[in-house]
Amino acid sequence: MTYYFGEGKKGALLQSAIELIADRGYDAVSVRDIAKAAGVSEAALYKHYKGKEDMALFIFREIVRDYAGRVLNIREQQIPTVEKLCQIVNLTYDLFQIRPAEVRFALLSQYNFWDLVEEEVKPHFHIKAILEDGMQRGEIPQQEVYFWIAVYTGVMLQPLAQYQYFADVLPELPILKEKVCAMVRKLVS
């Protein structure tokens, strides 16, 4: 996940927004906080965006679009469904290890922006197709697909969403990733 939003004031604003929202959550961050962290005036933010929501939606959409593209690449592979699901876990945990602020930003911002992002940009669009294909092939048990999505993404994402709070008692990320994959394998067997 390489989000390079550029240099200068605009890039500094976007990176500051990512870091602050990842740390505090969307509602706890103001335009003033973002501008101050970026070392620019609030007017600089308004020069590029209508406000915090517009800027955060832009960031969220870019992160989700990139992630969904990576999930699509996994979806298109000719491997068993459970392997695709574990590859998505591996992808997600590897991205979290490399770019934790961006992943946390997306996890914390999804409740604010999910409905504002186009359906085909959402990674769930591809996960749904993977699960439906797996059920059709008989590789995973039949279940209402949105229930599968909720359970699978919960098992995969919840440890990351809470990692900063429980990092001292959870295993290191590579081991946690293995444990999550093992849990996914149990779920679909």
N, C-alpha and C. Protein backbone atom coordinates (compact mmCIF):
# COMPACT_ATOMS: atom_id res chain seq x y z
N MET A 1 0.87 -1.15 0.00
CA MET A 1 0.00 0.00 0.00
C MET A 1 0.92 1.21 0.00
N THR A 2 1.08 1.81 -1.10
CA THR A 2 1.97 2.96 -1.19
C THR A 2 1.13 4.17 -1.48
N TYR A 3 0.83 4.89 -0.48
CA TYR A 3 0.06 6.11 -0.67
C TYR A 3 1.02 7.27 -0.61
N TYR A 4 1.32 7.75 -1.73
CA TYR A 4 2.17 8.92 -1.81
C TYR A 4 1.29 10.03 -2.37
N PHE A 5 0.92 10.92 -1.52
CA PHE A 5 -0.02 11.97 -1.90
C PHE A 5 0.67 13.25 -2.34
N GLY A 6 1.97 13.17 -2.55
CA GLY A 6 2.68 14.33 -3.06
C GLY A 6 3.39 15.11 -1.95
N GLU A 7 4.12 16.08 -2.43
CA GLU A 7 4.88 16.92 -1.51
C GLU A 7 4.14 18.24 -1.32
N GLY A 8 4.76 19.12 -0.61
CA GLY A 8 4.19 20.44 -0.41
C GLY A 8 3.07 20.43 0.61
N LYS A 9 2.32 21.50 0.61
CA LYS A 9 1.26 21.69 1.60
C LYS A 9 0.17 20.64 1.48
N LYS A 10 -0.24 20.34 0.26
CA LYS A 10 -1.31 19.36 0.08
C LYS A 10 -0.89 17.98 0.60
N GLY A 11 0.31 17.55 0.26
CA GLY A 11 0.81 16.26 0.75
C GLY A 11 0.94 16.24 2.26
N ALA A 12 1.41 17.34 2.82
CA ALA A 12 1.55 17.41 4.28
C ALA A 12 0.18 17.36 4.96
N LEU A 13 -0.80 18.02 4.38
CA LEU A 13 -2.16 17.98 4.92
C LEU A 13 -2.72 16.56 4.90
N LEU A 14 -2.57 15.89 3.77
CA LEU A 14 -3.11 14.54 3.65
C LEU A 14 -2.42 13.58 4.61
N GLN A 15 -1.11 13.65 4.70
CA GLN A 15 -0.39 12.76 5.61
C GLN A 15 -0.74 13.06 7.06
N SER A 16 -0.89 14.32 7.40
CA SER A 16 -1.28 14.69 8.77
C SER A 16 -2.67 14.18 9.09
N ALA A 17 -3.58 14.30 8.14
CA ALA A 17 -4.95 13.80 8.35
C ALA A 17 -4.93 12.29 8.57
N ILE A 18 -4.17 11.58 7.77
CA ILE A 18 -4.07 10.12 7.92
C ILE A 18 -3.58 9.77 9.32
N GLU A 19 -2.50 10.38 9.73
CA GLU A 19 -1.90 10.03 11.02
C GLU A 19 -2.80 10.41 12.19
N LEU A 20 -3.39 11.60 12.14
CA LEU A 20 -4.25 12.03 13.24
C LEU A 20 -5.52 11.19 13.34
N ILE A 21 -6.16 10.95 12.21
CA ILE A 21 -7.41 10.17 12.23
C ILE A 21 -7.11 8.72 12.60
N ALA A 22 -6.00 8.18 12.14
CA ALA A 22 -5.61 6.82 12.52
C ALA A 22 -5.38 6.71 14.02
N ASP A 23 -4.87 7.77 14.60
CA ASP A 23 -4.56 7.77 16.04
C ASP A 23 -5.78 8.06 16.90
N ARG A 24 -6.58 9.05 16.50
CA ARG A 24 -7.68 9.53 17.36
C ARG A 24 -9.07 9.17 16.87
N GLY A 25 -9.23 8.85 15.61
CA GLY A 25 -10.56 8.65 15.03
C GLY A 25 -11.03 9.93 14.35
N TYR A 26 -11.91 9.78 13.40
CA TYR A 26 -12.37 10.89 12.57
C TYR A 26 -12.98 12.03 13.37
N ASP A 27 -13.90 11.69 14.27
CA ASP A 27 -14.64 12.72 15.00
C ASP A 27 -13.79 13.51 15.98
N ALA A 28 -12.67 12.96 16.40
CA ALA A 28 -11.82 13.63 17.39
C ALA A 28 -10.76 14.54 16.76
N VAL A 29 -10.79 14.67 15.45
CA VAL A 29 -9.79 15.48 14.75
C VAL A 29 -10.49 16.65 14.05
N SER A 30 -9.93 17.83 14.21
CA SER A 30 -10.51 19.02 13.58
C SER A 30 -9.63 19.50 12.43
N VAL A 31 -10.18 20.40 11.63
CA VAL A 31 -9.41 21.04 10.56
C VAL A 31 -8.21 21.74 11.17
N ARG A 32 -8.42 22.38 12.27
CA ARG A 32 -7.32 23.09 12.95
C ARG A 32 -6.20 22.11 13.33
N ASP A 33 -6.58 20.94 13.87
CA ASP A 33 -5.59 19.93 14.24
C ASP A 33 -4.76 19.49 13.03
N ILE A 34 -5.44 19.25 11.93
CA ILE A 34 -4.76 18.78 10.71
C ILE A 34 -3.81 19.86 10.19
N ALA A 35 -4.30 21.08 10.10
CA ALA A 35 -3.47 22.18 9.60
C ALA A 35 -2.25 22.40 10.49
N LYS A 36 -2.47 22.37 11.80
CA LYS A 36 -1.36 22.57 12.73
C LYS A 36 -0.31 21.47 12.58
N ALA A 37 -0.76 20.21 12.50
CA ALA A 37 0.18 19.10 12.35
C ALA A 37 0.94 19.17 11.02
N ALA A 38 0.30 19.71 10.00
CA ALA A 38 0.94 19.84 8.70
C ALA A 38 1.82 21.08 8.61
N GLY A 39 1.71 21.95 9.59
CA GLY A 39 2.50 23.17 9.59
C GLY A 39 2.01 24.20 8.57
N VAL A 40 0.70 24.20 8.33
CA VAL A 40 0.11 25.15 7.38
C VAL A 40 -1.11 25.80 8.02
N SER A 41 -1.66 26.76 7.33
CA SER A 41 -2.87 27.42 7.83
C SER A 41 -4.11 26.60 7.46
N GLU A 42 -5.19 26.87 8.17
CA GLU A 42 -6.45 26.22 7.84
C GLU A 42 -6.88 26.60 6.42
N ALA A 43 -6.56 27.81 6.01
CA ALA A 43 -6.91 28.26 4.66
C ALA A 43 -6.25 27.37 3.60
N ALA A 44 -5.08 26.84 3.89
CA ALA A 44 -4.40 25.95 2.94
C ALA A 44 -5.22 24.69 2.71
N LEU A 45 -5.83 24.18 3.78
CA LEU A 45 -6.68 22.99 3.63
C LEU A 45 -7.88 23.33 2.76
N TYR A 46 -8.51 24.47 3.03
CA TYR A 46 -9.69 24.85 2.27
C TYR A 46 -9.37 25.22 0.82
N LYS A 47 -8.12 25.49 0.53
CA LYS A 47 -7.70 25.76 -0.85
C LYS A 47 -7.83 24.49 -1.70
N HIS A 48 -7.57 23.32 -1.07
CA HIS A 48 -7.57 22.05 -1.79
C HIS A 48 -8.84 21.24 -1.60
N TYR A 49 -9.51 21.42 -0.47
CA TYR A 49 -10.68 20.61 -0.14
C TYR A 49 -11.77 21.49 0.46
N LYS A 50 -13.01 21.03 0.35
CA LYS A 50 -14.13 21.77 0.92
C LYS A 50 -14.08 21.77 2.45
N GLY A 51 -13.42 20.79 2.99
CA GLY A 51 -13.31 20.67 4.44
C GLY A 51 -12.73 19.33 4.83
N LYS A 52 -12.80 19.02 6.10
CA LYS A 52 -12.24 17.77 6.63
C LYS A 52 -12.91 16.56 5.99
N GLU A 53 -14.23 16.59 5.86
CA GLU A 53 -14.94 15.45 5.30
C GLU A 53 -14.52 15.18 3.86
N ASP A 54 -14.43 16.22 3.07
CA ASP A 54 -14.03 16.08 1.67
C ASP A 54 -12.61 15.50 1.57
N MET A 55 -11.71 15.99 2.38
CA MET A 55 -10.33 15.50 2.37
C MET A 55 -10.28 14.05 2.85
N ALA A 56 -10.95 13.74 3.94
CA ALA A 56 -10.92 12.39 4.48
C ALA A 56 -11.58 11.40 3.52
N LEU A 57 -12.64 11.81 2.85
CA LEU A 57 -13.28 10.94 1.86
C LEU A 57 -12.31 10.66 0.71
N PHE A 58 -11.59 11.67 0.26
CA PHE A 58 -10.59 11.48 -0.79
C PHE A 58 -9.56 10.43 -0.36
N ILE A 59 -9.04 10.57 0.85
CA ILE A 59 -8.03 9.63 1.36
C ILE A 59 -8.63 8.23 1.46
N PHE A 60 -9.81 8.14 2.05
CA PHE A 60 -10.46 6.84 2.23
C PHE A 60 -10.68 6.16 0.88
N ARG A 61 -11.19 6.90 -0.08
CA ARG A 61 -11.45 6.34 -1.40
C ARG A 61 -10.15 5.82 -2.03
N GLU A 62 -9.06 6.55 -1.91
CA GLU A 62 -7.79 6.13 -2.49
C GLU A 62 -7.27 4.85 -1.82
N ILE A 63 -7.35 4.80 -0.50
CA ILE A 63 -6.90 3.63 0.22
C ILE A 63 -7.74 2.41 -0.15
N VAL A 64 -9.05 2.58 -0.15
CA VAL A 64 -9.96 1.47 -0.46
C VAL A 64 -9.80 1.03 -1.91
N ARG A 65 -9.64 1.97 -2.82
CA ARG A 65 -9.46 1.63 -4.24
C ARG A 65 -8.19 0.80 -4.43
N ASP A 66 -7.11 1.21 -3.81
CA ASP A 66 -5.86 0.46 -3.92
C ASP A 66 -6.01 -0.95 -3.35
N TYR A 67 -6.60 -1.04 -2.18
CA TYR A 67 -6.79 -2.33 -1.52
C TYR A 67 -7.70 -3.24 -2.35
N ALA A 68 -8.79 -2.69 -2.85
CA ALA A 68 -9.72 -3.48 -3.67
C ALA A 68 -9.03 -4.00 -4.93
N GLY A 69 -8.16 -3.20 -5.52
CA GLY A 69 -7.41 -3.67 -6.69
C GLY A 69 -6.52 -4.85 -6.36
N ARG A 70 -5.93 -4.82 -5.19
CA ARG A 70 -5.09 -5.93 -4.75
C ARG A 70 -5.93 -7.18 -4.47
N VAL A 71 -7.12 -6.98 -3.89
CA VAL A 71 -8.03 -8.10 -3.64
C VAL A 71 -8.51 -8.68 -4.97
N LEU A 72 -8.77 -7.83 -5.95
CA LEU A 72 -9.17 -8.31 -7.28
C LEU A 72 -8.09 -9.21 -7.87
N ASN A 73 -6.83 -8.84 -7.71
CA ASN A 73 -5.74 -9.68 -8.22
C ASN A 73 -5.79 -11.07 -7.58
N ILE A 74 -6.10 -11.12 -6.31
CA ILE A 74 -6.23 -12.42 -5.62
C ILE A 74 -7.46 -13.16 -6.14
N ARG A 75 -8.55 -12.45 -6.30
CA ARG A 75 -9.80 -13.05 -6.81
C ARG A 75 -9.57 -13.74 -8.15
N GLU A 76 -8.75 -13.17 -9.00
CA GLU A 76 -8.55 -13.69 -10.35
C GLU A 76 -7.61 -14.89 -10.41
N GLN A 77 -6.95 -15.22 -9.31
CA GLN A 77 -6.05 -16.37 -9.30
C GLN A 77 -6.83 -17.67 -9.35
N GLN A 78 -6.25 -18.67 -9.94
CA GLN A 78 -6.89 -19.98 -10.07
C GLN A 78 -6.41 -20.88 -8.92
N ILE A 79 -6.86 -20.55 -7.72
CA ILE A 79 -6.50 -21.32 -6.53
C ILE A 79 -7.78 -21.55 -5.73
N PRO A 80 -7.76 -22.51 -4.79
CA PRO A 80 -8.97 -22.78 -3.98
C PRO A 80 -9.41 -21.54 -3.19
N THR A 81 -10.68 -21.50 -2.90
CA THR A 81 -11.28 -20.37 -2.19
C THR A 81 -10.59 -20.07 -0.87
N VAL A 82 -10.34 -21.10 -0.08
CA VAL A 82 -9.71 -20.87 1.22
C VAL A 82 -8.34 -20.24 1.06
N GLU A 83 -7.62 -20.59 0.00
CA GLU A 83 -6.31 -19.99 -0.24
C GLU A 83 -6.45 -18.53 -0.62
N LYS A 84 -7.48 -18.20 -1.38
CA LYS A 84 -7.74 -16.79 -1.71
C LYS A 84 -8.03 -16.00 -0.45
N LEU A 85 -8.86 -16.56 0.42
CA LEU A 85 -9.21 -15.88 1.67
C LEU A 85 -7.98 -15.68 2.55
N CYS A 86 -7.11 -16.68 2.60
CA CYS A 86 -5.88 -16.54 3.39
C CYS A 86 -4.92 -15.57 2.74
N GLN A 87 -4.88 -15.52 1.41
CA GLN A 87 -4.03 -14.53 0.75
C GLN A 87 -4.50 -13.11 1.06
N ILE A 88 -5.81 -12.92 1.17
CA ILE A 88 -6.33 -11.59 1.53
C ILE A 88 -5.91 -11.25 2.96
N VAL A 89 -5.96 -12.23 3.85
CA VAL A 89 -5.47 -12.00 5.22
C VAL A 89 -3.99 -11.61 5.18
N ASN A 90 -3.20 -12.37 4.44
CA ASN A 90 -1.76 -12.07 4.34
C ASN A 90 -1.53 -10.67 3.79
N LEU A 91 -2.23 -10.34 2.73
CA LEU A 91 -2.14 -9.00 2.14
C LEU A 91 -2.45 -7.93 3.18
N THR A 92 -3.55 -8.10 3.87
CA THR A 92 -4.01 -7.10 4.83
C THR A 92 -3.01 -6.91 5.97
N TYR A 93 -2.52 -8.01 6.51
CA TYR A 93 -1.57 -7.92 7.62
C TYR A 93 -0.21 -7.39 7.17
N ASP A 94 0.20 -7.77 5.96
CA ASP A 94 1.45 -7.22 5.42
C ASP A 94 1.32 -5.70 5.22
N LEU A 95 0.20 -5.26 4.70
CA LEU A 95 -0.02 -3.83 4.52
C LEU A 95 -0.05 -3.11 5.86
N PHE A 96 -0.67 -3.71 6.84
CA PHE A 96 -0.72 -3.11 8.18
C PHE A 96 0.69 -2.96 8.75
N GLN A 97 1.52 -3.95 8.50
CA GLN A 97 2.88 -3.88 9.04
C GLN A 97 3.68 -2.78 8.34
N ILE A 98 3.45 -2.58 7.06
CA ILE A 98 4.19 -1.57 6.29
C ILE A 98 3.60 -0.17 6.48
N ARG A 99 2.28 -0.05 6.46
CA ARG A 99 1.60 1.24 6.49
C ARG A 99 0.47 1.23 7.54
N PRO A 100 0.80 1.10 8.82
CA PRO A 100 -0.25 0.98 9.83
C PRO A 100 -1.19 2.17 9.90
N ALA A 101 -0.70 3.37 9.70
CA ALA A 101 -1.58 4.54 9.79
C ALA A 101 -2.65 4.51 8.71
N GLU A 102 -2.29 4.13 7.49
CA GLU A 102 -3.27 4.09 6.42
C GLU A 102 -4.34 3.02 6.66
N VAL A 103 -3.90 1.86 7.14
CA VAL A 103 -4.86 0.79 7.41
C VAL A 103 -5.78 1.18 8.56
N ARG A 104 -5.21 1.73 9.62
CA ARG A 104 -6.05 2.17 10.75
C ARG A 104 -6.98 3.29 10.31
N PHE A 105 -6.49 4.22 9.49
CA PHE A 105 -7.34 5.28 8.96
C PHE A 105 -8.56 4.66 8.26
N ALA A 106 -8.31 3.69 7.38
CA ALA A 106 -9.42 3.07 6.64
C ALA A 106 -10.37 2.34 7.58
N LEU A 107 -9.82 1.61 8.55
CA LEU A 107 -10.68 0.88 9.47
C LEU A 107 -11.54 1.83 10.30
N LEU A 108 -10.94 2.93 10.77
CA LEU A 108 -11.68 3.86 11.61
C LEU A 108 -12.61 4.77 10.81
N SER A 109 -12.33 4.96 9.54
CA SER A 109 -13.13 5.87 8.72
C SER A 109 -14.26 5.18 7.97
N GLN A 110 -14.24 3.87 7.92
CA GLN A 110 -15.24 3.17 7.11
C GLN A 110 -16.67 3.50 7.52
N TYR A 111 -16.88 3.74 8.78
CA TYR A 111 -18.25 4.02 9.24
C TYR A 111 -18.73 5.39 8.79
N ASN A 112 -17.80 6.29 8.54
CA ASN A 112 -18.16 7.62 8.06
C ASN A 112 -18.35 7.66 6.55
N PHE A 113 -17.62 6.82 5.81
CA PHE A 113 -17.54 7.00 4.35
C PHE A 113 -17.96 5.80 3.51
N TRP A 114 -18.27 4.68 4.13
CA TRP A 114 -18.57 3.47 3.37
C TRP A 114 -19.66 3.70 2.33
N ASP A 115 -20.71 4.34 2.72
CA ASP A 115 -21.84 4.55 1.79
C ASP A 115 -21.54 5.57 0.70
N LEU A 116 -20.45 6.31 0.83
CA LEU A 116 -20.10 7.33 -0.16
C LEU A 116 -19.14 6.82 -1.22
N VAL A 117 -18.70 5.58 -1.09
CA VAL A 117 -17.76 4.98 -2.04
C VAL A 117 -18.54 4.05 -2.97
N GLU A 118 -18.19 4.09 -4.24
CA GLU A 118 -18.83 3.28 -5.25
C GLU A 118 -18.69 1.79 -4.91
N GLU A 119 -19.72 1.02 -5.19
CA GLU A 119 -19.76 -0.39 -4.83
C GLU A 119 -18.56 -1.17 -5.39
N GLU A 120 -18.22 -0.94 -6.66
CA GLU A 120 -17.13 -1.72 -7.28
C GLU A 120 -15.76 -1.35 -6.75
N VAL A 121 -15.66 -0.25 -6.00
CA VAL A 121 -14.39 0.14 -5.39
C VAL A 121 -14.20 -0.56 -4.05
N LYS A 122 -15.26 -1.04 -3.47
CA LYS A 122 -15.19 -1.66 -2.15
C LYS A 122 -14.59 -3.06 -2.26
N PRO A 123 -13.69 -3.41 -1.36
CA PRO A 123 -13.11 -4.76 -1.41
C PRO A 123 -14.16 -5.85 -1.18
N HIS A 124 -15.24 -5.53 -0.50
CA HIS A 124 -16.29 -6.51 -0.25
C HIS A 124 -16.92 -7.00 -1.55
N PHE A 125 -16.91 -6.19 -2.56
CA PHE A 125 -17.42 -6.56 -3.88
C PHE A 125 -16.68 -7.81 -4.38
N HIS A 126 -15.36 -7.81 -4.21
CA HIS A 126 -14.55 -8.94 -4.67
C HIS A 126 -14.59 -10.11 -3.68
N ILE A 127 -14.62 -9.80 -2.40
CA ILE A 127 -14.73 -10.87 -1.40
C ILE A 127 -16.04 -11.61 -1.57
N LYS A 128 -17.11 -10.89 -1.84
CA LYS A 128 -18.42 -11.51 -2.09
C LYS A 128 -18.33 -12.47 -3.27
N ALA A 129 -17.70 -12.05 -4.34
CA ALA A 129 -17.56 -12.91 -5.52
C ALA A 129 -16.73 -14.16 -5.20
N ILE A 130 -15.67 -13.99 -4.42
CA ILE A 130 -14.84 -15.14 -4.02
C ILE A 130 -15.67 -16.13 -3.22
N LEU A 131 -16.44 -15.62 -2.26
CA LEU A 131 -17.26 -16.50 -1.42
C LEU A 131 -18.36 -17.18 -2.22
N GLU A 132 -19.02 -16.44 -3.08
CA GLU A 132 -20.08 -17.04 -3.92
C GLU A 132 -19.52 -18.13 -4.82
N ASP A 133 -18.36 -17.87 -5.41
CA ASP A 133 -17.71 -18.87 -6.26
C ASP A 133 -17.33 -20.10 -5.43
N GLY A 134 -16.81 -19.88 -4.23
CA GLY A 134 -16.44 -21.00 -3.37
C GLY A 134 -17.63 -21.84 -2.96
N MET A 135 -18.76 -21.20 -2.69
CA MET A 135 -19.97 -21.95 -2.35
C MET A 135 -20.48 -22.71 -3.57
N GLN A 136 -20.46 -22.09 -4.73
CA GLN A 136 -20.93 -22.73 -5.96
C GLN A 136 -20.09 -23.96 -6.29
N ARG A 137 -18.79 -23.89 -6.04
CA ARG A 137 -17.89 -25.02 -6.31
C ARG A 137 -17.94 -26.08 -5.22
N GLY A 138 -18.59 -25.76 -4.11
CA GLY A 138 -18.65 -26.69 -2.99
C GLY A 138 -17.39 -26.68 -2.14
N GLU A 139 -16.58 -25.65 -2.28
CA GLU A 139 -15.33 -25.55 -1.52
C GLU A 139 -15.55 -25.02 -0.11
N ILE A 140 -16.61 -24.29 0.09
CA ILE A 140 -16.97 -23.78 1.42
C ILE A 140 -18.46 -24.03 1.63
N PRO A 141 -18.87 -24.14 2.89
CA PRO A 141 -20.28 -24.42 3.17
C PRO A 141 -21.21 -23.31 2.66
N GLN A 142 -22.39 -23.72 2.26
CA GLN A 142 -23.41 -22.76 1.85
C GLN A 142 -23.82 -21.92 3.06
N GLN A 143 -23.91 -20.64 2.85
CA GLN A 143 -24.29 -19.70 3.90
C GLN A 143 -24.69 -18.40 3.21
N GLU A 144 -25.52 -17.63 3.85
CA GLU A 144 -25.89 -16.33 3.28
C GLU A 144 -24.60 -15.54 3.10
N VAL A 145 -24.36 -15.03 1.90
CA VAL A 145 -23.05 -14.47 1.55
C VAL A 145 -22.68 -13.27 2.42
N TYR A 146 -23.65 -12.45 2.78
CA TYR A 146 -23.31 -11.28 3.59
C TYR A 146 -22.98 -11.68 5.03
N PHE A 147 -23.53 -12.78 5.49
CA PHE A 147 -23.12 -13.32 6.78
C PHE A 147 -21.66 -13.78 6.70
N TRP A 148 -21.31 -14.49 5.62
CA TRP A 148 -19.93 -14.90 5.41
C TRP A 148 -18.99 -13.69 5.42
N ILE A 149 -19.37 -12.65 4.70
CA ILE A 149 -18.52 -11.45 4.63
C ILE A 149 -18.33 -10.85 6.02
N ALA A 150 -19.42 -10.75 6.78
CA ALA A 150 -19.34 -10.16 8.12
C ALA A 150 -18.42 -10.98 9.03
N VAL A 151 -18.58 -12.29 9.00
CA VAL A 151 -17.77 -13.15 9.86
C VAL A 151 -16.30 -13.12 9.42
N TYR A 152 -16.08 -13.29 8.13
CA TYR A 152 -14.70 -13.32 7.60
C TYR A 152 -13.98 -12.01 7.86
N THR A 153 -14.60 -10.89 7.52
CA THR A 153 -13.92 -9.61 7.72
C THR A 153 -13.76 -9.29 9.20
N GLY A 154 -14.70 -9.73 10.02
CA GLY A 154 -14.55 -9.54 11.46
C GLY A 154 -13.35 -10.29 12.01
N VAL A 155 -13.22 -11.55 11.63
CA VAL A 155 -12.08 -12.36 12.07
C VAL A 155 -10.77 -11.75 11.57
N MET A 156 -10.78 -11.25 10.34
CA MET A 156 -9.55 -10.72 9.76
C MET A 156 -9.21 -9.33 10.31
N LEU A 157 -10.19 -8.44 10.38
CA LEU A 157 -9.90 -7.04 10.65
C LEU A 157 -9.95 -6.63 12.12
N GLN A 158 -10.75 -7.28 12.90
CA GLN A 158 -10.90 -6.85 14.30
C GLN A 158 -9.59 -6.86 15.07
N PRO A 159 -8.74 -7.89 14.91
CA PRO A 159 -7.45 -7.83 15.62
C PRO A 159 -6.61 -6.62 15.21
N LEU A 160 -6.67 -6.22 13.94
CA LEU A 160 -5.92 -5.04 13.50
C LEU A 160 -6.51 -3.76 14.05
N ALA A 161 -7.83 -3.69 14.08
CA ALA A 161 -8.50 -2.48 14.58
C ALA A 161 -8.13 -2.23 16.04
N GLN A 162 -7.91 -3.31 16.78
CA GLN A 162 -7.61 -3.16 18.21
C GLN A 162 -6.15 -3.41 18.54
N TYR A 163 -5.32 -3.59 17.53
CA TYR A 163 -3.93 -3.97 17.77
C TYR A 163 -3.19 -2.96 18.64
N GLN A 164 -3.40 -1.69 18.42
CA GLN A 164 -2.65 -0.70 19.21
C GLN A 164 -3.02 -0.78 20.69
N TYR A 165 -4.20 -1.27 21.00
CA TYR A 165 -4.62 -1.37 22.39
C TYR A 165 -4.15 -2.66 23.06
N PHE A 166 -3.95 -3.71 22.24
CA PHE A 166 -3.61 -5.02 22.79
C PHE A 166 -2.29 -5.57 22.26
N ALA A 167 -1.46 -4.71 21.68
CA ALA A 167 -0.19 -5.18 21.10
C ALA A 167 0.69 -5.87 22.13
N ASP A 168 0.57 -5.47 23.37
CA ASP A 168 1.41 -6.07 24.41
C ASP A 168 0.99 -7.49 24.77
N VAL A 169 -0.25 -7.87 24.47
CA VAL A 169 -0.71 -9.22 24.80
C VAL A 169 -0.99 -10.07 23.56
N LEU A 170 -1.08 -9.45 22.40
CA LEU A 170 -1.26 -10.19 21.16
C LEU A 170 0.11 -10.61 20.63
N PRO A 171 0.14 -11.69 19.84
CA PRO A 171 1.43 -12.08 19.26
C PRO A 171 1.90 -11.05 18.23
N GLU A 172 3.17 -11.12 17.87
CA GLU A 172 3.71 -10.27 16.81
C GLU A 172 2.87 -10.46 15.55
N LEU A 173 2.85 -9.45 14.69
CA LEU A 173 1.99 -9.48 13.51
C LEU A 173 2.16 -10.72 12.64
N PRO A 174 3.38 -11.19 12.34
CA PRO A 174 3.48 -12.40 11.50
C PRO A 174 2.80 -13.62 12.13
N ILE A 175 2.91 -13.76 13.43
CA ILE A 175 2.27 -14.89 14.12
C ILE A 175 0.76 -14.67 14.18
N LEU A 176 0.35 -13.45 14.45
CA LEU A 176 -1.08 -13.15 14.47
C LEU A 176 -1.70 -13.44 13.10
N LYS A 177 -1.01 -13.08 12.05
CA LYS A 177 -1.47 -13.35 10.68
C LYS A 177 -1.68 -14.85 10.48
N GLU A 178 -0.74 -15.66 10.94
CA GLU A 178 -0.86 -17.12 10.82
C GLU A 178 -2.07 -17.63 11.61
N LYS A 179 -2.26 -17.09 12.81
CA LYS A 179 -3.39 -17.51 13.64
C LYS A 179 -4.72 -17.13 13.00
N VAL A 180 -4.78 -15.96 12.39
CA VAL A 180 -6.01 -15.53 11.72
C VAL A 180 -6.28 -16.44 10.52
N CYS A 181 -5.25 -16.77 9.75
CA CYS A 181 -5.43 -17.70 8.62
C CYS A 181 -5.93 -19.05 9.10
N ALA A 182 -5.39 -19.53 10.21
CA ALA A 182 -5.83 -20.81 10.77
C ALA A 182 -7.30 -20.72 11.17
N MET A 183 -7.70 -19.59 11.72
CA MET A 183 -9.11 -19.39 12.10
C MET A 183 -10.00 -19.36 10.85
N VAL A 184 -9.54 -18.72 9.79
CA VAL A 184 -10.30 -18.68 8.53
C VAL A 184 -10.48 -20.09 7.99
N ARG A 185 -9.40 -20.88 8.03
CA ARG A 185 -9.48 -22.26 7.54
C ARG A 185 -10.52 -23.07 8.33
N LYS A 186 -10.57 -22.86 9.64
CA LYS A 186 -11.56 -23.54 10.48
C LYS A 186 -12.97 -23.09 10.11
N LEU A 187 -13.12 -21.81 9.87
CA LEU A 187 -14.46 -21.28 9.55
C LEU A 187 -15.03 -21.88 8.28
N VAL A 188 -14.19 -22.07 7.28
CA VAL A 188 -14.71 -22.52 5.99
C VAL A 188 -14.65 -24.03 5.80
N SER A 189 -14.15 -24.75 6.79
CA SER A 189 -14.09 -26.22 6.63
C SER A 189 -15.40 -26.87 7.00
